[in-house]
N, C-alpha and C. Protein backbone atom coordinates (compact mmCIF):
# COMPACT_ATOMS: atom_id res chain seq x y z
N MET A 1 -254.54 86.92 98.86
CA MET A 1 -254.99 88.17 99.44
C MET A 1 -253.93 88.70 100.41
N VAL A 2 -253.67 89.95 100.33
CA VAL A 2 -252.68 90.59 101.19
C VAL A 2 -253.37 91.16 102.42
N GLU A 3 -252.77 90.95 103.56
CA GLU A 3 -253.28 91.53 104.79
C GLU A 3 -252.23 92.51 105.31
N ILE A 4 -252.66 93.72 105.60
CA ILE A 4 -251.75 94.73 106.14
C ILE A 4 -251.88 94.69 107.65
N ILE A 5 -250.76 94.47 108.31
CA ILE A 5 -250.74 94.39 109.76
C ILE A 5 -249.94 95.58 110.30
N TRP A 6 -250.60 96.41 111.06
CA TRP A 6 -249.96 97.58 111.65
C TRP A 6 -249.39 97.19 113.01
N THR A 7 -248.12 97.46 113.22
CA THR A 7 -247.52 97.20 114.53
C THR A 7 -247.95 98.28 115.50
N ASP A 8 -247.81 97.98 116.78
CA ASP A 8 -248.12 98.98 117.81
C ASP A 8 -247.23 100.20 117.66
N ASN A 9 -245.96 99.97 117.30
CA ASN A 9 -245.02 101.09 117.10
C ASN A 9 -245.46 101.98 115.94
N ALA A 10 -245.94 101.36 114.87
CA ALA A 10 -246.38 102.14 113.71
C ALA A 10 -247.60 102.99 114.07
N ILE A 11 -248.55 102.42 114.79
CA ILE A 11 -249.73 103.17 115.22
C ILE A 11 -249.32 104.31 116.15
N GLN A 12 -248.41 104.04 117.04
CA GLN A 12 -247.92 105.08 117.95
C GLN A 12 -247.22 106.20 117.17
N ASP A 13 -246.42 105.84 116.19
CA ASP A 13 -245.74 106.84 115.36
C ASP A 13 -246.76 107.71 114.62
N LEU A 14 -247.78 107.09 114.04
CA LEU A 14 -248.82 107.86 113.34
C LEU A 14 -249.53 108.81 114.29
N SER A 15 -249.79 108.34 115.48
CA SER A 15 -250.44 109.18 116.48
C SER A 15 -249.56 110.38 116.85
N GLU A 16 -248.27 110.12 117.04
CA GLU A 16 -247.34 111.20 117.39
C GLU A 16 -247.18 112.20 116.24
N ILE A 17 -247.17 111.70 115.03
CA ILE A 17 -247.09 112.58 113.86
C ILE A 17 -248.32 113.49 113.84
N GLY A 18 -249.49 112.90 114.06
CA GLY A 18 -250.72 113.67 114.09
C GLY A 18 -250.72 114.72 115.18
N GLU A 19 -250.24 114.36 116.35
CA GLU A 19 -250.17 115.32 117.46
C GLU A 19 -249.23 116.46 117.13
N TYR A 20 -248.09 116.14 116.56
CA TYR A 20 -247.09 117.16 116.23
C TYR A 20 -247.65 118.15 115.20
N ILE A 21 -248.22 117.63 114.13
CA ILE A 21 -248.77 118.51 113.09
C ILE A 21 -249.99 119.25 113.63
N GLY A 22 -250.75 118.57 114.50
CA GLY A 22 -251.95 119.17 115.07
C GLY A 22 -251.69 120.40 115.92
N ASN A 23 -250.46 120.54 116.39
CA ASN A 23 -250.12 121.74 117.16
C ASN A 23 -250.26 122.99 116.30
N ASP A 24 -250.02 122.87 115.02
CA ASP A 24 -250.13 124.00 114.10
C ASP A 24 -251.44 123.98 113.31
N SER A 25 -251.89 122.78 112.94
CA SER A 25 -253.07 122.69 112.09
C SER A 25 -253.78 121.34 112.27
N PRO A 26 -254.84 121.33 113.06
CA PRO A 26 -255.59 120.07 113.22
C PRO A 26 -256.10 119.51 111.90
N LYS A 27 -256.47 120.39 110.99
CA LYS A 27 -256.97 119.96 109.68
C LYS A 27 -255.90 119.18 108.92
N TYR A 28 -254.69 119.73 108.86
CA TYR A 28 -253.62 119.06 108.13
C TYR A 28 -253.09 117.84 108.88
N ALA A 29 -253.21 117.85 110.19
CA ALA A 29 -252.82 116.67 110.96
C ALA A 29 -253.72 115.49 110.58
N GLU A 30 -255.03 115.74 110.53
CA GLU A 30 -255.97 114.68 110.16
C GLU A 30 -255.75 114.22 108.72
N LEU A 31 -255.53 115.16 107.83
CA LEU A 31 -255.29 114.83 106.43
C LEU A 31 -254.01 114.00 106.26
N THR A 32 -252.95 114.39 106.93
CA THR A 32 -251.67 113.69 106.83
C THR A 32 -251.77 112.28 107.38
N VAL A 33 -252.34 112.14 108.57
CA VAL A 33 -252.44 110.81 109.18
C VAL A 33 -253.35 109.91 108.35
N SER A 34 -254.44 110.46 107.84
CA SER A 34 -255.32 109.66 106.98
C SER A 34 -254.59 109.18 105.74
N THR A 35 -253.82 110.07 105.13
CA THR A 35 -253.07 109.70 103.93
C THR A 35 -252.04 108.62 104.25
N LEU A 36 -251.32 108.79 105.35
CA LEU A 36 -250.30 107.80 105.74
C LEU A 36 -250.94 106.45 106.06
N PHE A 37 -252.11 106.47 106.64
CA PHE A 37 -252.78 105.23 107.01
C PHE A 37 -253.41 104.55 105.79
N ASP A 38 -253.93 105.34 104.86
CA ASP A 38 -254.64 104.78 103.70
C ASP A 38 -253.73 104.35 102.55
N THR A 39 -252.59 104.97 102.40
CA THR A 39 -251.71 104.70 101.26
C THR A 39 -251.32 103.22 101.13
N PRO A 40 -250.96 102.53 102.21
CA PRO A 40 -250.59 101.11 102.05
C PRO A 40 -251.74 100.21 101.59
N LEU A 41 -252.97 100.70 101.62
CA LEU A 41 -254.11 99.88 101.19
C LEU A 41 -254.02 99.49 99.72
N ILE A 42 -253.21 100.21 98.94
CA ILE A 42 -253.02 99.85 97.53
C ILE A 42 -252.45 98.43 97.42
N LEU A 43 -251.76 98.00 98.48
CA LEU A 43 -251.16 96.66 98.46
C LEU A 43 -252.21 95.55 98.43
N THR A 44 -253.42 95.84 98.89
CA THR A 44 -254.45 94.80 98.86
C THR A 44 -254.87 94.48 97.44
N ASP A 45 -254.81 95.48 96.55
CA ASP A 45 -255.15 95.26 95.15
C ASP A 45 -253.93 94.99 94.28
N GLN A 46 -252.80 95.54 94.66
CA GLN A 46 -251.58 95.40 93.86
C GLN A 46 -250.41 95.03 94.78
N PRO A 47 -250.38 93.78 95.24
CA PRO A 47 -249.39 93.37 96.24
C PRO A 47 -247.94 93.40 95.76
N LYS A 48 -247.71 93.45 94.48
CA LYS A 48 -246.34 93.47 93.98
C LYS A 48 -245.86 94.87 93.64
N THR A 49 -246.60 95.87 94.07
CA THR A 49 -246.22 97.26 93.84
C THR A 49 -244.96 97.58 94.63
N GLY A 50 -244.08 98.34 94.04
CA GLY A 50 -242.87 98.76 94.74
C GLY A 50 -241.65 98.00 94.28
N ARG A 51 -240.55 98.34 94.86
CA ARG A 51 -239.29 97.72 94.46
C ARG A 51 -239.01 96.49 95.30
N ILE A 52 -238.15 95.63 94.81
CA ILE A 52 -237.70 94.46 95.55
C ILE A 52 -236.49 94.88 96.38
N VAL A 53 -236.58 94.64 97.66
CA VAL A 53 -235.48 94.99 98.56
C VAL A 53 -234.34 94.02 98.30
N PRO A 54 -233.11 94.53 98.05
CA PRO A 54 -231.99 93.64 97.73
C PRO A 54 -231.73 92.55 98.76
N GLU A 55 -231.97 92.85 100.04
CA GLU A 55 -231.72 91.88 101.10
C GLU A 55 -232.71 90.74 101.07
N PHE A 56 -233.82 90.86 100.37
CA PHE A 56 -234.88 89.87 100.36
C PHE A 56 -234.37 88.51 99.88
N ASN A 57 -233.54 88.50 98.85
CA ASN A 57 -233.04 87.24 98.28
C ASN A 57 -231.83 86.67 99.00
N SER A 58 -231.33 87.34 100.02
CA SER A 58 -230.13 86.87 100.70
C SER A 58 -230.46 86.08 101.97
N GLN A 59 -231.65 85.51 102.03
CA GLN A 59 -232.03 84.76 103.22
C GLN A 59 -231.51 83.38 103.19
């Protein structure tokens, strides 16, 4: 099972993105932040989704 862990910096960034967009459109700010927050949830069902980072094997 995959667990998604949000760092404090990531949460702060999402909040700032929402505030910035909210200056023009609170509706789209909420929609954007929700989308950004929900999109990684696909990893819980499909943990191997995405590309392999080249640096991953150079450890």
